[in-house]
Every structure is written in C-alpha cells, then in structure tokens.
Amino acid sequence: MVEQLGSGVPRILKTYSKDCFVFGDSFTRMAFPLNSSMETTQKTTQKTTQKILKLIKENPNTTRKELSLHIGNITEDGIKYHLNKLKKQGIIQRIGPDKGGYWQIIEQNK
C-alpha cells in the first residue's frame, strides 16, 4: 500500500497533462475534460430515442411496456423518461387517454 502513496499526481499528469492544474494564491484547482463515457451516454440516448420513434411510427398504439420489451435493456421508467423528453421537445404527443389512446409524431428529426 505504501508503494502507491503519492502516486496520484504523476498518474494525473500521465493521463491528462499539466494543463488540468490551475494554481491560485490560496488554492489549487484541477479541471478534467469530459471523458468518452459522457459521449457514449449521449449516443445511447439518441439511439434509444430513434428506436422509440421508429416503434411509435410502426404502431402508434404501443405501450411503455411494449417499447421496453422491444428495445431491451431499458425499464418502463426509462421509456417514460424518454417519452416525456420527446413530448417536451414537441416531437410527439399523446392523443386520448393512457388506456386506449395513441402516440402521434409531430416532428420527425432525421
């Protein structure tokens, strides 16, 4: 354990460079660039949104449960999040009640 003591700064410099350090009179600040996991999350979100739109186009009467099953690796709550986001963006709207209603695509972003 003691062998790795104090090895953090050299590892930071090896990974990021000295540009991530900002020195002030009474502080030292480290700023790290966003990593690729943020980009991966954004790409996954976009793909999920596109899958949802495709499935709604194929079957406007689809449910959150059906969307979750068709897409896989996403819960009904995750589908609900994406649907609410699409509604706020004005891309889709719900016509009619939760049971018996359907989805309408207002604007298709390609």
Protein backbone atom coordinates (compact mmCIF):
# COMPACT_ATOMS: atom_id res chain seq x y z
CA MET A 1 0.00 0.00 0.00
CA VAL A 2 2.75 2.44 0.88
CA GLU A 3 4.40 1.96 -2.52
CA GLN A 4 1.49 3.75 -4.22
CA LEU A 5 1.37 6.60 -1.71
CA GLY A 6 1.72 9.92 -3.54
CA SER A 7 1.34 8.40 -6.99
CA GLY A 8 -1.90 10.27 -7.80
CA VAL A 9 -0.36 13.42 -9.26
CA PRO A 10 2.04 11.57 -11.58
CA ARG A 11 -0.87 9.41 -12.80
CA ILE A 12 -2.99 12.52 -13.42
CA LEU A 13 -0.14 14.12 -15.38
CA LYS A 14 0.34 10.93 -17.39
CA THR A 15 -3.35 10.73 -18.26
CA TYR A 16 -4.33 14.40 -18.72
CA SER A 17 -1.27 16.74 -18.73
CA LYS A 18 -0.25 19.66 -16.55
CA ASP A 19 -2.91 21.85 -18.20
CA CYS A 20 -5.55 20.41 -15.87
CA PHE A 21 -3.94 22.20 -12.88
CA VAL A 22 -4.78 25.82 -12.05
CA PHE A 23 -2.80 27.43 -9.21
CA GLY A 24 -4.10 30.39 -7.25
CA ASP A 25 -2.72 32.25 -4.22
CA SER A 26 -4.66 30.09 -1.79
CA PHE A 27 -5.88 27.15 -3.87
CA THR A 28 -5.04 24.52 -6.43
CA ARG A 29 -7.83 23.56 -8.80
CA MET A 30 -7.86 20.58 -11.11
CA ALA A 31 -10.17 20.61 -14.13
CA PHE A 32 -10.57 17.41 -16.12
CA PRO A 33 -12.07 17.25 -19.61
CA LEU A 34 -15.21 15.21 -20.11
CA ASN A 35 -14.40 11.64 -20.90
CA SER A 36 -15.83 9.46 -23.60
CA SER A 37 -18.41 7.92 -21.27
CA MET A 38 -20.40 11.16 -21.49
CA GLU A 39 -20.29 10.94 -25.29
CA THR A 40 -21.29 7.28 -25.13
CA THR A 41 -24.27 8.13 -22.91
CA GLN A 42 -25.39 10.83 -25.36
CA LYS A 43 -25.10 8.45 -28.32
CA THR A 44 -27.02 5.74 -26.46
CA THR A 45 -29.75 8.24 -25.56
CA GLN A 46 -30.04 9.32 -29.21
CA LYS A 47 -30.24 5.71 -30.38
CA THR A 48 -32.92 4.91 -27.80
CA THR A 49 -34.92 7.97 -28.85
CA GLN A 50 -34.70 6.95 -32.51
CA LYS A 51 -35.81 3.40 -31.66
CA ILE A 52 -38.79 4.74 -29.71
CA LEU A 53 -39.80 6.99 -32.62
CA LYS A 54 -39.46 4.12 -35.10
CA LEU A 55 -41.61 1.83 -32.95
CA ILE A 56 -44.25 4.54 -32.44
CA LYS A 57 -44.34 5.12 -36.20
CA GLU A 58 -44.88 1.39 -36.77
CA ASN A 59 -47.51 1.12 -34.03
CA PRO A 60 -48.93 4.37 -32.58
CA ASN A 61 -50.92 2.34 -30.02
CA THR A 62 -47.77 0.88 -28.45
CA THR A 63 -47.36 0.96 -24.68
CA ARG A 64 -44.38 1.78 -22.48
CA LYS A 65 -44.15 -1.91 -21.58
CA GLU A 66 -44.09 -2.94 -25.25
CA LEU A 67 -41.46 -0.30 -26.04
CA SER A 68 -39.34 -1.54 -23.15
CA LEU A 69 -39.58 -5.14 -24.34
CA HIS A 70 -38.80 -4.31 -27.99
CA ILE A 71 -35.82 -2.08 -27.21
CA GLY A 72 -34.42 -4.21 -24.38
CA ASN A 73 -32.01 -3.07 -21.66
CA ILE A 74 -34.34 -0.26 -20.63
CA THR A 75 -37.05 -0.18 -17.98
CA GLU A 76 -40.57 1.17 -18.38
CA ASP A 77 -39.46 4.13 -16.25
CA GLY A 78 -36.62 4.72 -18.70
CA ILE A 79 -39.13 4.69 -21.56
CA LYS A 80 -41.33 7.11 -19.61
CA TYR A 81 -38.34 9.46 -19.23
CA HIS A 82 -37.66 9.41 -22.98
CA LEU A 83 -41.34 9.85 -23.87
CA ASN A 84 -41.63 12.86 -21.54
CA LYS A 85 -38.49 14.34 -23.07
CA LEU A 86 -39.89 13.86 -26.59
CA LYS A 87 -43.20 15.46 -25.52
CA LYS A 88 -41.40 18.48 -24.04
CA GLN A 89 -39.42 18.85 -27.27
CA GLY A 90 -42.67 18.87 -29.24
CA ILE A 91 -41.74 15.78 -31.23
CA ILE A 92 -44.60 13.56 -30.05
CA GLN A 93 -47.92 13.96 -28.30
CA ARG A 94 -50.36 11.63 -26.65
CA ILE A 95 -53.84 11.59 -28.17
CA GLY A 96 -56.59 10.26 -25.91
CA PRO A 97 -56.33 8.57 -22.52
CA ASP A 98 -53.47 6.43 -21.21
CA LYS A 99 -55.51 3.33 -21.98
CA GLY A 100 -56.99 3.42 -25.46
CA GLY A 101 -55.03 6.43 -26.67
CA TYR A 102 -52.20 6.57 -29.14
CA TRP A 103 -48.96 8.42 -29.89
CA GLN A 104 -48.67 10.94 -32.68
CA ILE A 105 -45.35 12.04 -34.11
CA ILE A 106 -45.47 15.79 -34.66
CA GLU A 107 -41.97 16.33 -35.98
CA GLN A 108 -39.52 13.70 -37.20
CA ASN A 109 -35.87 14.70 -36.67
CA LYS A 110 -33.58 12.81 -39.03
